[in-house]
C-alpha atoms as a PDB file:
ATOM      1  CA  UNK A   1      43.387 -18.396  -3.525  1.00  0.00           C
ATOM      2  CA  UNK A   2      43.184 -15.353  -1.482  1.00  0.00           C
ATOM      3  CA  UNK A   3      42.360 -13.080  -5.511  1.00  0.00           C
ATOM      4  CA  UNK A   4      39.042 -16.114  -5.782  1.00  0.00           C
ATOM      5  CA  UNK A   5      37.316 -15.057  -2.069  1.00  0.00           C
ATOM      6  CA  UNK A   6      38.505 -11.360  -2.732  1.00  0.00           C
ATOM      7  CA  UNK A   7      36.763 -11.271  -5.930  1.00  0.00           C
ATOM      8  CA  UNK A   8      33.709 -13.391  -4.587  1.00  0.00           C
ATOM      9  CA  UNK A   9      33.940 -10.862  -2.249  1.00  0.00           C
ATOM     10  CA  UNK A  10      33.065  -7.885  -3.833  1.00  0.00           C
ATOM     11  CA  UNK A  11      31.291  -9.446  -6.227  1.00  0.00           C
ATOM     12  CA  UNK A  12      29.047 -10.499  -2.745  1.00  0.00           C
ATOM     13  CA  UNK A  13      29.184  -7.152  -1.971  1.00  0.00           C
ATOM     14  CA  UNK A  14      27.575  -5.818  -5.418  1.00  0.00           C
ATOM     15  CA  UNK A  15      25.119  -7.703  -5.717  1.00  0.00           C
ATOM     16  CA  UNK A  16      24.115  -6.704  -1.852  1.00  0.00           C
ATOM     17  CA  UNK A  17      24.426  -3.003  -3.247  1.00  0.00           C
ATOM     18  CA  UNK A  18      22.399  -3.395  -5.595  1.00  0.00           C
ATOM     19  CA  UNK A  19      19.588  -5.389  -3.699  1.00  0.00           C
ATOM     20  CA  UNK A  20      19.551  -2.589  -1.357  1.00  0.00           C
ATOM     21  CA  UNK A  21      19.117   0.489  -3.895  1.00  0.00           C
ATOM     22  CA  UNK A  22      16.534  -1.881  -5.441  1.00  0.00           C
ATOM     23  CA  UNK A  23      14.620  -1.613  -2.147  1.00  0.00           C
ATOM     24  CA  UNK A  24      15.329   2.541  -1.787  1.00  0.00           C
ATOM     25  CA  UNK A  25      13.964   3.114  -5.709  1.00  0.00           C
ATOM     26  CA  UNK A  26      12.971   6.431  -6.125  1.00  0.00           C
ATOM     27  CA  UNK A  27       8.837   7.185  -6.247  1.00  0.00           C
ATOM     28  CA  UNK A  28       8.901   6.467  -9.891  1.00  0.00           C
ATOM     29  CA  UNK A  29       9.737   2.607  -9.449  1.00  0.00           C
ATOM     30  CA  UNK A  30       8.838   0.182 -11.543  1.00  0.00           C
ATOM     31  CA  UNK A  31       5.912  -2.970 -10.964  1.00  0.00           C
ATOM     32  CA  UNK A  32       9.010  -4.543 -10.434  1.00  0.00           C
ATOM     33  CA  UNK A  33      11.380  -2.561  -8.349  1.00  0.00           C
ATOM     34  CA  UNK A  34       8.530  -2.384  -5.405  1.00  0.00           C
ATOM     35  CA  UNK A  35       9.585   0.422  -3.048  1.00  0.00           C
ATOM     36  CA  UNK A  36       9.632  -0.730   0.519  1.00  0.00           C
ATOM     37  CA  UNK A  37       8.338   0.237   3.863  1.00  0.00           C
ATOM     38  CA  UNK A  38      10.768   0.420   7.023  1.00  0.00           C
ATOM     39  CA  UNK A  39      10.678  -2.955   9.426  1.00  0.00           C
ATOM     40  CA  UNK A  40       6.727  -1.436  11.067  1.00  0.00           C
ATOM     41  CA  UNK A  41       5.191  -2.453  14.566  1.00  0.00           C
ATOM     42  CA  UNK A  42       1.091  -2.264  13.999  1.00  0.00           C
ATOM     43  CA  UNK A  43      -0.935  -1.449  17.197  1.00  0.00           C
ATOM     44  CA  UNK A  44      -4.543  -1.194  17.386  1.00  0.00           C
ATOM     45  CA  UNK A  45      -7.009  -2.154  20.085  1.00  0.00           C
ATOM     46  CA  UNK A  46      -9.621  -4.345  19.828  1.00  0.00           C
ATOM     47  CA  UNK A  47     -12.388  -5.633  22.510  1.00  0.00           C
ATOM     48  CA  UNK A  48      -9.826  -7.413  24.579  1.00  0.00           C
ATOM     49  CA  UNK A  49      -6.887  -4.194  24.585  1.00  0.00           C
ATOM     50  CA  UNK A  50      -3.951  -4.032  22.482  1.00  0.00           C
ATOM     51  CA  UNK A  51      -3.034  -5.902  19.216  1.00  0.00           C
ATOM     52  CA  UNK A  52       0.038  -5.823  18.169  1.00  0.00           C
ATOM     53  CA  UNK A  53       1.402  -7.167  14.527  1.00  0.00           C
ATOM     54  CA  UNK A  54       5.082  -6.641  14.174  1.00  0.00           C
ATOM     55  CA  UNK A  55       5.694  -6.651   9.287  1.00  0.00           C
ATOM     56  CA  UNK A  56       9.943  -6.598   8.113  1.00  0.00           C
ATOM     57  CA  UNK A  57       9.520  -6.219   4.605  1.00  0.00           C
ATOM     58  CA  UNK A  58       5.776  -4.721   3.449  1.00  0.00           C
ATOM     59  CA  UNK A  59       6.323  -2.895  -0.402  1.00  0.00           C
ATOM     60  CA  UNK A  60       2.951   0.305   0.026  1.00  0.00           C
ATOM     61  CA  UNK A  61       2.737  -1.019  -3.906  1.00  0.00           C
ATOM     62  CA  UNK A  62       2.957  -3.782  -5.972  1.00  0.00           C
ATOM     63  CA  UNK A  63       1.744  -4.964  -8.776  1.00  0.00           C
ATOM     64  CA  UNK A  64      -1.267  -2.339  -8.533  1.00  0.00           C
ATOM     65  CA  UNK A  65      -1.950  -3.774  -4.942  1.00  0.00           C
ATOM     66  CA  UNK A  66      -1.530  -0.469  -2.512  1.00  0.00           C
ATOM     67  CA  UNK A  67      -0.884  -2.037   0.711  1.00  0.00           C
ATOM     68  CA  UNK A  68      -2.011   0.787   4.062  1.00  0.00           C
ATOM     69  CA  UNK A  69      -1.380  -0.104   7.524  1.00  0.00           C
ATOM     70  CA  UNK A  70      -3.515   1.811  10.547  1.00  0.00           C
ATOM     71  CA  UNK A  71      -1.276   4.603  11.163  1.00  0.00           C
ATOM     72  CA  UNK A  72       0.457   5.224   7.808  1.00  0.00           C
ATOM     73  CA  UNK A  73      -1.187   7.919   4.934  1.00  0.00           C
ATOM     74  CA  UNK A  74       0.491   7.832   1.897  1.00  0.00           C
ATOM     75  CA  UNK A  75      -0.371   8.523  -1.915  1.00  0.00           C
ATOM     76  CA  UNK A  76      -0.488   7.287  -5.098  1.00  0.00           C
ATOM     77  CA  UNK A  77      -0.045   8.043  -8.992  1.00  0.00           C
ATOM     78  CA  UNK A  78      -1.811   6.142 -12.037  1.00  0.00           C
ATOM     79  CA  UNK A  79      -0.716   5.760 -15.271  1.00  0.00           C
ATOM     80  CA  UNK A  80      -3.856   5.623 -17.619  1.00  0.00           C
ATOM     81  CA  UNK A  81      -4.119   3.413 -20.771  1.00  0.00           C
ATOM     82  CA  UNK A  82      -6.775   4.379 -23.275  1.00  0.00           C
ATOM     83  CA  UNK A  83      -9.708   4.717 -20.777  1.00  0.00           C
ATOM     84  CA  UNK A  84      -8.123   2.478 -18.057  1.00  0.00           C
ATOM     85  CA  UNK A  85      -5.364   2.558 -15.544  1.00  0.00           C
ATOM     86  CA  UNK A  86      -2.648   0.421 -16.217  1.00  0.00           C
ATOM     87  CA  UNK A  87      -0.355   1.417 -13.115  1.00  0.00           C
ATOM     88  CA  UNK A  88      -0.362   1.989 -10.042  1.00  0.00           C
ATOM     89  CA  UNK A  89       3.008   3.495  -8.223  1.00  0.00           C
ATOM     90  CA  UNK A  90       3.922   4.207  -4.914  1.00  0.00           C
ATOM     91  CA  UNK A  91       4.066   8.480  -4.263  1.00  0.00           C
ATOM     92  CA  UNK A  92       5.179   9.645  -0.939  1.00  0.00           C
ATOM     93  CA  UNK A  93       4.351  13.547  -1.653  1.00  0.00           C
ATOM     94  CA  UNK A  94       1.458  13.830  -1.144  1.00  0.00           C
ATOM     95  CA  UNK A  95       0.992  16.533  -3.298  1.00  0.00           C
ATOM     96  CA  UNK A  96       2.361  14.868  -6.007  1.00  0.00           C
ATOM     97  CA  UNK A  97      -0.444  11.840  -5.667  1.00  0.00           C
ATOM     98  CA  UNK A  98      -3.312  11.241  -7.902  1.00  0.00           C
ATOM     99  CA  UNK A  99      -4.567   9.358  -5.454  1.00  0.00           C
ATOM    100  CA  UNK A 100      -4.212   9.400  -1.261  1.00  0.00           C
ATOM    101  CA  UNK A 101      -4.640   7.596   1.814  1.00  0.00           C
ATOM    102  CA  UNK A 102      -5.035   7.813   5.117  1.00  0.00           C
ATOM    103  CA  UNK A 103      -5.673   5.064   7.155  1.00  0.00           C
ATOM    104  CA  UNK A 104      -6.716   5.472  11.942  1.00  0.00           C
ATOM    105  CA  UNK A 105      -7.630   4.207  13.911  1.00  0.00           C
ATOM    106  CA  UNK A 106     -10.524   6.033  16.228  1.00  0.00           C
ATOM    107  CA  UNK A 107     -10.908   4.860  19.474  1.00  0.00           C
ATOM    108  CA  UNK A 108     -12.359   1.460  18.660  1.00  0.00           C
ATOM    109  CA  UNK A 109     -13.574   2.151  15.587  1.00  0.00           C
ATOM    110  CA  UNK A 110     -12.034   2.167  12.184  1.00  0.00           C
ATOM    111  CA  UNK A 111     -11.164   4.787   9.339  1.00  0.00           C
ATOM    112  CA  UNK A 112      -9.371   5.241   5.702  1.00  0.00           C
ATOM    113  CA  UNK A 113      -9.797   8.833   4.477  1.00  0.00           C
ATOM    114  CA  UNK A 114      -9.366   8.854   0.089  1.00  0.00           C
ATOM    115  CA  UNK A 115      -8.961  11.410  -1.908  1.00  0.00           C
ATOM    116  CA  UNK A 116      -9.143  11.196  -5.395  1.00  0.00           C
ATOM    117  CA  UNK A 117      -7.360  13.414  -7.546  1.00  0.00           C
ATOM    118  CA  UNK A 118      -7.941  12.020 -10.895  1.00  0.00           C
ATOM    119  CA  UNK A 119     -11.020  13.440 -13.795  1.00  0.00           C
ATOM    120  CA  UNK A 120     -12.667  10.404 -13.344  1.00  0.00           C
ATOM    121  CA  UNK A 121     -14.630   8.346 -10.657  1.00  0.00           C
ATOM    122  CA  UNK A 122     -12.794   6.069  -8.937  1.00  0.00           C
ATOM    123  CA  UNK A 123     -13.607   2.562  -8.057  1.00  0.00           C
ATOM    124  CA  UNK A 124     -11.110  -0.125  -6.155  1.00  0.00           C
ATOM    125  CA  UNK A 125     -11.811  -3.591  -4.213  1.00  0.00           C
ATOM    126  CA  UNK A 126     -10.658  -4.015  -0.477  1.00  0.00           C
ATOM    127  CA  UNK A 127      -9.252  -7.361   1.479  1.00  0.00           C
ATOM    128  CA  UNK A 128      -8.540  -6.790   5.508  1.00  0.00           C
ATOM    129  CA  UNK A 129      -6.167  -8.463   7.862  1.00  0.00           C
ATOM    130  CA  UNK A 130      -7.714  -8.572  11.661  1.00  0.00           C
ATOM    131  CA  UNK A 131      -6.381  -9.266  14.698  1.00  0.00           C
ATOM    132  CA  UNK A 132      -6.667 -12.866  15.972  1.00  0.00           C
ATOM    133  CA  UNK A 133      -7.483 -13.934  12.467  1.00  0.00           C
ATOM    134  CA  UNK A 134      -5.944 -15.696   9.977  1.00  0.00           C
ATOM    135  CA  UNK A 135      -6.357 -14.519   6.196  1.00  0.00           C
ATOM    136  CA  UNK A 136      -7.236 -11.410   4.482  1.00  0.00           C
ATOM    137  CA  UNK A 137     -11.304 -10.248   4.581  1.00  0.00           C
ATOM    138  CA  UNK A 138     -12.839  -8.252   1.204  1.00  0.00           C
ATOM    139  CA  UNK A 139     -14.480  -5.522   2.363  1.00  0.00           C
ATOM    140  CA  UNK A 140     -16.343  -2.510   0.630  1.00  0.00           C
ATOM    141  CA  UNK A 141     -15.359   0.866  -0.558  1.00  0.00           C
ATOM    142  CA  UNK A 142     -17.939   2.703  -1.756  1.00  0.00           C
ATOM    143  CA  UNK A 143     -16.547   4.647  -5.478  1.00  0.00           C
ATOM    144  CA  UNK A 144     -14.457   8.064  -4.858  1.00  0.00           C
ATOM    145  CA  UNK A 145     -15.762  11.047  -7.392  1.00  0.00           C
ATOM    146  CA  UNK A 146     -13.686  13.201  -8.899  1.00  0.00           C
ATOM    147  CA  UNK A 147     -10.926  16.058  -7.008  1.00  0.00           C
ATOM    148  CA  UNK A 148     -13.093  14.614  -3.833  1.00  0.00           C
ATOM    149  CA  UNK A 149     -12.747  12.666  -0.254  1.00  0.00           C
ATOM    150  CA  UNK A 150     -14.582  10.092   0.902  1.00  0.00           C
ATOM    151  CA  UNK A 151     -14.293   8.013   4.559  1.00  0.00           C
ATOM    152  CA  UNK A 152     -14.864   4.429   4.521  1.00  0.00           C
ATOM    153  CA  UNK A 153     -15.551   3.200   8.596  1.00  0.00           C
ATOM    154  CA  UNK A 154     -15.604   0.087  10.528  1.00  0.00           C
ATOM    155  CA  UNK A 155     -16.848  -1.483  13.541  1.00  0.00           C
ATOM    156  CA  UNK A 156     -13.880  -3.271  14.340  1.00  0.00           C
ATOM    157  CA  UNK A 157     -10.058  -2.796  14.683  1.00  0.00           C
ATOM    158  CA  UNK A 158      -8.242  -3.470  11.450  1.00  0.00           C
ATOM    159  CA  UNK A 159      -4.735  -4.065  10.946  1.00  0.00           C
ATOM    160  CA  UNK A 160      -4.035  -3.484   7.193  1.00  0.00           C
ATOM    161  CA  UNK A 161      -5.624  -2.905   4.097  1.00  0.00           C
ATOM    162  CA  UNK A 162      -5.201  -3.989   0.267  1.00  0.00           C
ATOM    163  CA  UNK A 163      -7.340  -2.036  -2.167  1.00  0.00           C
ATOM    164  CA  UNK A 164      -6.742  -3.735  -5.918  1.00  0.00           C
ATOM    165  CA  UNK A 165      -8.687  -3.652  -9.456  1.00  0.00           C
ATOM    166  CA  UNK A 166      -8.217  -0.059  -9.233  1.00  0.00           C
ATOM    167  CA  UNK A 167     -10.514   1.499 -12.311  1.00  0.00           C
ATOM    168  CA  UNK A 168     -13.246   4.299 -13.931  1.00  0.00           C
ATOM    169  CA  UNK A 169     -15.725   1.597 -14.523  1.00  0.00           C
ATOM    170  CA  UNK A 170     -18.572  -0.587 -11.937  1.00  0.00           C
ATOM    171  CA  UNK A 171     -17.479  -3.922 -13.492  1.00  0.00           C
ATOM    172  CA  UNK A 172     -16.657  -6.725 -11.353  1.00  0.00           C
ATOM    173  CA  UNK A 173     -13.808  -7.440  -8.897  1.00  0.00           C
ATOM    174  CA  UNK A 174     -11.021  -9.714 -10.603  1.00  0.00           C
END
């Protein structure tokens, strides 16, 4: 009986180790193994004072969607198949990223800088989570010209942005 318990414990340990290694995957991770950030507490200033929200396990990028919280800065690489973006992957080394993001609060307004290091005009869609409201709300992001940076600003607090539908052509969001 002790042998069966010992084997079960070893199997459980190996499964846990495998899950841990997948969560700490390299920047070259596939969409099946996204890179997760450590638990984070996001703090923003609202008209009613300071607002805090805790997030436990959120990937930087999953299924070609980029998840960015107030106060963060990181990059992504894009895989181009034909003339379209087929994959977006997390790139922690900003100097190696195709597209970089910096999202901060400056007094009462939120600002995001996007740098497009690709050779084509970049389009994307965005959703935002705001303090004290449930759900995600659409917001706009202007196209970013190749080799340039663009700045977006919002006159209210935002906890998180989800950037999606990365593309090189202006087409309706899906």
